[in-house]
Amino acid sequence: MTLYDLAACPYCRMVRDRLEALGIAYDLIAVPPRHAERTEVFRVSGQTYVPVLVDEGIVLDDEDKIIQYLDTTYGRRNG
């Protein structure tokens, strides 16, 4: 599982918190602050906004969708 993330992004923080609460291991890829420089996340998701989560070929690009997916797929253990 890979999370494309910007440290200062509160939406990314929500996803990181959920991943940690669920005890899910993930790779973190820090994206540049400037959208024009986010070539890797664009290649993966077709857009430059974060967070983006990639899980075995599934690509999600919205914190609410990501959190719902994590809860549904991996079960909400905390909260």
C-alpha atoms as a PDB file:
ATOM      1  CA  MET A   1       0.000   0.000   0.000  1.00  0.00           C
ATOM      2  CA  THR A   2       1.346   3.432  -0.934  1.00  0.00           C
ATOM      3  CA  LEU A   3       0.231   6.855   0.239  1.00  0.00           C
ATOM      4  CA  TYR A   4       1.156   9.965  -1.724  1.00  0.00           C
ATOM      5  CA  ASP A   5       1.335  12.630   0.930  1.00  0.00           C
ATOM      6  CA  LEU A   6       2.220  16.211   1.749  1.00  0.00           C
ATOM      7  CA  ALA A   7       3.268  16.630   5.393  1.00  0.00           C
ATOM      8  CA  ALA A   8       1.469  19.973   5.804  1.00  0.00           C
ATOM      9  CA  CYS A   9      -1.806  18.683   4.322  1.00  0.00           C
ATOM     10  CA  PRO A  10      -4.504  18.156   6.979  1.00  0.00           C
ATOM     11  CA  TYR A  11      -6.386  15.747   4.690  1.00  0.00           C
ATOM     12  CA  CYS A  12      -3.266  13.635   4.297  1.00  0.00           C
ATOM     13  CA  ARG A  13      -2.898  13.647   8.069  1.00  0.00           C
ATOM     14  CA  MET A  14      -6.427  12.246   8.400  1.00  0.00           C
ATOM     15  CA  VAL A  15      -5.480   9.339   6.153  1.00  0.00           C
ATOM     16  CA  ARG A  16      -2.159   8.723   7.935  1.00  0.00           C
ATOM     17  CA  ASP A  17      -4.004   8.718  11.265  1.00  0.00           C
ATOM     18  CA  ARG A  18      -6.511   6.146   9.988  1.00  0.00           C
ATOM     19  CA  LEU A  19      -3.792   3.917   8.568  1.00  0.00           C
ATOM     20  CA  GLU A  20      -1.986   4.020  11.888  1.00  0.00           C
ATOM     21  CA  ALA A  21      -5.175   3.436  13.890  1.00  0.00           C
ATOM     22  CA  LEU A  22      -5.894   0.362  11.793  1.00  0.00           C
ATOM     23  CA  GLY A  23      -2.316  -0.857  12.114  1.00  0.00           C
ATOM     24  CA  ILE A  24      -1.790  -0.920   8.353  1.00  0.00           C
ATOM     25  CA  ALA A  25       1.759  -0.819   7.031  1.00  0.00           C
ATOM     26  CA  TYR A  26       2.238   1.519   4.093  1.00  0.00           C
ATOM     27  CA  ASP A  27       4.892   3.230   2.030  1.00  0.00           C
ATOM     28  CA  LEU A  28       4.846   7.011   2.199  1.00  0.00           C
ATOM     29  CA  ILE A  29       5.802   9.061  -0.826  1.00  0.00           C
ATOM     30  CA  ALA A  30       6.234  12.746  -0.076  1.00  0.00           C
ATOM     31  CA  VAL A  31       5.063  14.917  -2.954  1.00  0.00           C
ATOM     32  CA  PRO A  32       6.442  18.378  -3.694  1.00  0.00           C
ATOM     33  CA  PRO A  33       4.435  21.359  -2.437  1.00  0.00           C
ATOM     34  CA  ARG A  34       3.984  22.752  -5.963  1.00  0.00           C
ATOM     35  CA  HIS A  35       1.335  21.028  -8.061  1.00  0.00           C
ATOM     36  CA  ALA A  36       3.402  21.515 -11.223  1.00  0.00           C
ATOM     37  CA  GLU A  37       6.140  19.331  -9.719  1.00  0.00           C
ATOM     38  CA  ARG A  38       3.876  16.420  -8.718  1.00  0.00           C
ATOM     39  CA  THR A  39       4.605  14.312 -11.777  1.00  0.00           C
ATOM     40  CA  GLU A  40       4.611  10.942 -10.000  1.00  0.00           C
ATOM     41  CA  VAL A  41       1.240  11.389  -8.311  1.00  0.00           C
ATOM     42  CA  PHE A  42      -0.164  12.646 -11.622  1.00  0.00           C
ATOM     43  CA  ARG A  43       1.167   9.561 -13.406  1.00  0.00           C
ATOM     44  CA  VAL A  44      -0.512   7.313 -10.831  1.00  0.00           C
ATOM     45  CA  SER A  45      -3.845   9.102 -10.390  1.00  0.00           C
ATOM     46  CA  GLY A  46      -4.321  11.478 -13.314  1.00  0.00           C
ATOM     47  CA  GLN A  47      -4.384  14.530 -11.035  1.00  0.00           C
ATOM     48  CA  THR A  48      -2.059  16.416  -8.683  1.00  0.00           C
ATOM     49  CA  TYR A  49      -4.025  16.604  -5.436  1.00  0.00           C
ATOM     50  CA  VAL A  50      -3.189  14.569  -2.340  1.00  0.00           C
ATOM     51  CA  PRO A  51      -3.807  12.361  -0.521  1.00  0.00           C
ATOM     52  CA  VAL A  52      -3.726   9.513  -3.026  1.00  0.00           C
ATOM     53  CA  LEU A  53      -3.741   5.920  -1.845  1.00  0.00           C
ATOM     54  CA  VAL A  54      -2.750   2.986  -4.036  1.00  0.00           C
ATOM     55  CA  ASP A  55      -3.646  -0.482  -2.779  1.00  0.00           C
ATOM     56  CA  GLU A  56      -3.017  -3.433  -5.120  1.00  0.00           C
ATOM     57  CA  GLY A  57      -4.088  -1.570  -8.239  1.00  0.00           C
ATOM     58  CA  ILE A  58      -6.893   0.390  -6.584  1.00  0.00           C
ATOM     59  CA  VAL A  59      -6.265   4.147  -6.737  1.00  0.00           C
ATOM     60  CA  LEU A  60      -8.217   6.495  -4.470  1.00  0.00           C
ATOM     61  CA  ASP A  61      -7.793  10.275  -4.528  1.00  0.00           C
ATOM     62  CA  ASP A  62     -10.006  11.764  -1.825  1.00  0.00           C
ATOM     63  CA  GLU A  63      -9.546  11.497   1.935  1.00  0.00           C
ATOM     64  CA  ASP A  64     -13.195  10.597   2.579  1.00  0.00           C
ATOM     65  CA  LYS A  65     -13.124   7.868  -0.069  1.00  0.00           C
ATOM     66  CA  ILE A  66      -9.785   6.606   1.212  1.00  0.00           C
ATOM     67  CA  ILE A  67     -10.954   6.417   4.830  1.00  0.00           C
ATOM     68  CA  GLN A  68     -14.189   4.688   3.838  1.00  0.00           C
ATOM     69  CA  TYR A  69     -12.227   2.205   1.747  1.00  0.00           C
ATOM     70  CA  LEU A  70      -9.820   1.491   4.602  1.00  0.00           C
ATOM     71  CA  ASP A  71     -12.646   0.987   7.086  1.00  0.00           C
ATOM     72  CA  THR A  72     -14.620  -1.246   4.728  1.00  0.00           C
ATOM     73  CA  THR A  73     -11.674  -3.265   3.453  1.00  0.00           C
ATOM     74  CA  TYR A  74      -9.561  -3.559   6.575  1.00  0.00           C
ATOM     75  CA  GLY A  75     -12.156  -3.078   9.311  1.00  0.00           C
ATOM     76  CA  ARG A  76     -12.410  -0.247  11.749  1.00  0.00           C
ATOM     77  CA  ARG A  77     -10.574  -1.406  14.858  1.00  0.00           C
ATOM     78  CA  ASN A  78     -10.414   1.948  16.637  1.00  0.00           C
ATOM     79  CA  GLY A  79     -13.139   4.567  16.598  1.00  0.00           C
END
